[in-house]
């Protein structure tokens, strides 16, 4: 099966029930290949729906999702797919949403990774 969203090919997609404070690790291939780590951060000093990206190595990327669940309920996510790296000589994009209906219920984290245009130096 092949799924496209506009010009982007869906590479992988899923939904997870998560625990705040525990990282979400998504591996592309075995442990030696590309790895994304999403961290859900609650920080009342910072603005809602901010993200911070850190390149840990050329195969590992951390993304902090800051105040995506304000006060433990509600949610947030990306407005459009975000271009992040190159994979298989194509631009790799991601989209996420994070939703919670109550402080007492695990939040739902939904992600989609897309392959986009060919990258000549990838």
Protein backbone atom coordinates (compact mmCIF):
# COMPACT_ATOMS: atom_id res chain seq x y z
CA UNK A 1 0.00 0.00 0.00
CA UNK A 2 1.19 3.52 -0.76
CA UNK A 3 -0.20 6.62 0.95
CA UNK A 4 0.49 10.19 -0.16
CA UNK A 5 -0.40 13.56 1.34
CA UNK A 6 0.00 16.04 -1.49
CA UNK A 7 3.56 15.57 -2.84
CA UNK A 8 4.76 13.69 0.27
CA UNK A 9 4.89 9.90 0.62
CA UNK A 10 3.92 8.60 4.06
CA UNK A 11 6.96 6.68 5.33
CA UNK A 12 5.58 5.60 8.71
CA UNK A 13 2.76 6.64 11.03
CA UNK A 14 1.42 5.59 14.41
CA UNK A 15 -0.29 6.49 17.67
CA UNK A 16 0.97 5.82 21.19
CA UNK A 17 -0.39 6.24 24.69
CA UNK A 18 2.51 7.86 26.53
CA UNK A 19 3.64 8.92 29.98
CA UNK A 20 4.65 12.54 30.54
CA UNK A 21 8.32 12.67 31.47
CA UNK A 22 9.30 9.50 29.60
CA UNK A 23 10.95 9.90 26.19
CA UNK A 24 9.38 8.55 23.01
CA UNK A 25 12.04 6.88 20.87
CA UNK A 26 11.39 6.11 17.20
CA UNK A 27 14.04 4.09 15.36
CA UNK A 28 14.44 3.91 11.59
CA UNK A 29 16.14 0.56 11.05
CA UNK A 30 18.24 -1.05 13.75
CA UNK A 31 19.79 0.75 16.71
CA UNK A 32 22.75 2.00 14.60
CA UNK A 33 20.45 3.89 12.21
CA UNK A 34 18.45 7.11 12.51
CA UNK A 35 16.75 7.68 15.87
CA UNK A 36 14.26 10.38 16.95
CA UNK A 37 13.63 11.11 20.62
CA UNK A 38 10.56 13.18 21.48
CA UNK A 39 10.39 14.64 24.99
CA UNK A 40 7.16 16.11 26.37
CA UNK A 41 8.18 19.11 28.48
CA UNK A 42 5.95 21.03 30.86
CA UNK A 43 7.47 24.44 31.69
CA UNK A 44 5.21 27.24 32.94
CA UNK A 45 7.99 29.77 32.23
CA UNK A 46 7.81 29.07 28.50
CA UNK A 47 5.21 29.71 25.82
CA UNK A 48 2.72 27.02 24.72
CA UNK A 49 3.37 24.88 21.66
CA UNK A 50 7.09 25.54 21.31
CA UNK A 51 9.60 22.98 20.19
CA UNK A 52 13.35 22.71 20.46
CA UNK A 53 15.49 20.44 18.29
CA UNK A 54 18.94 19.13 19.18
CA UNK A 55 21.23 17.13 16.93
CA UNK A 56 22.84 14.62 19.30
CA UNK A 57 24.83 12.92 16.51
CA UNK A 58 24.45 12.51 12.76
CA UNK A 59 22.05 9.62 13.52
CA UNK A 60 20.21 10.91 16.62
CA UNK A 61 17.82 13.88 16.97
CA UNK A 62 16.01 15.07 20.10
CA UNK A 63 12.85 17.15 19.89
CA UNK A 64 11.38 18.83 22.99
CA UNK A 65 7.64 19.48 22.74
CA UNK A 66 7.13 22.29 25.24
CA UNK A 67 3.71 22.85 26.81
CA UNK A 68 1.82 20.89 24.16
CA UNK A 69 -0.59 19.78 26.91
CA UNK A 70 -1.16 22.92 28.97
CA UNK A 71 -2.36 22.12 32.51
CA UNK A 72 -2.54 18.42 31.66
CA UNK A 73 -5.49 18.64 29.24
CA UNK A 74 -6.04 19.75 25.67
CA UNK A 75 -3.31 19.32 23.13
CA UNK A 76 -1.27 20.66 20.29
CA UNK A 77 0.77 19.68 17.31
CA UNK A 78 2.42 20.76 14.11
CA UNK A 79 0.45 22.89 11.66
CA UNK A 80 2.33 21.57 8.63
CA UNK A 81 4.90 18.82 8.05
CA UNK A 82 8.32 19.93 9.30
CA UNK A 83 11.43 19.14 7.22
CA UNK A 84 14.08 17.72 9.52
CA UNK A 85 16.78 15.57 7.82
CA UNK A 86 17.59 13.49 4.75
CA UNK A 87 16.69 9.80 4.58
CA UNK A 88 17.15 7.54 1.57
CA UNK A 89 18.35 10.56 -0.44
CA UNK A 90 15.00 12.33 0.14
CA UNK A 91 13.89 15.06 2.52
CA UNK A 92 12.29 13.60 5.67
CA UNK A 93 9.40 15.49 7.27
CA UNK A 94 7.43 14.84 10.45
CA UNK A 95 4.04 15.86 11.83
CA UNK A 96 2.85 15.20 15.38
CA UNK A 97 -0.15 15.78 17.59
CA UNK A 98 -0.44 15.35 21.33
CA UNK A 99 -3.84 15.20 23.05
CA UNK A 100 -5.12 14.55 26.55
CA UNK A 101 -8.71 14.54 27.79
CA UNK A 102 -7.83 14.49 31.50
CA UNK A 103 -4.85 14.75 33.84
CA UNK A 104 -5.68 11.20 34.97
CA UNK A 105 -5.54 9.60 31.52
CA UNK A 106 -2.44 8.96 29.43
CA UNK A 107 -1.99 11.44 26.56
CA UNK A 108 -2.19 10.22 22.96
CA UNK A 109 0.86 10.96 20.80
CA UNK A 110 0.33 10.60 17.04
CA UNK A 111 3.16 10.89 14.54
CA UNK A 112 3.66 10.70 10.79
CA UNK A 113 6.97 10.75 8.93
CA UNK A 114 6.96 11.58 5.22
CA UNK A 115 9.51 11.33 2.42
CA UNK A 116 9.58 14.38 0.19
CA UNK A 117 11.69 15.66 -2.65
CA UNK A 118 14.98 14.11 -3.74
CA UNK A 119 18.04 15.71 -2.13
CA UNK A 120 21.09 15.90 -4.38
CA UNK A 121 23.68 16.01 -1.55
CA UNK A 122 21.90 13.43 0.67
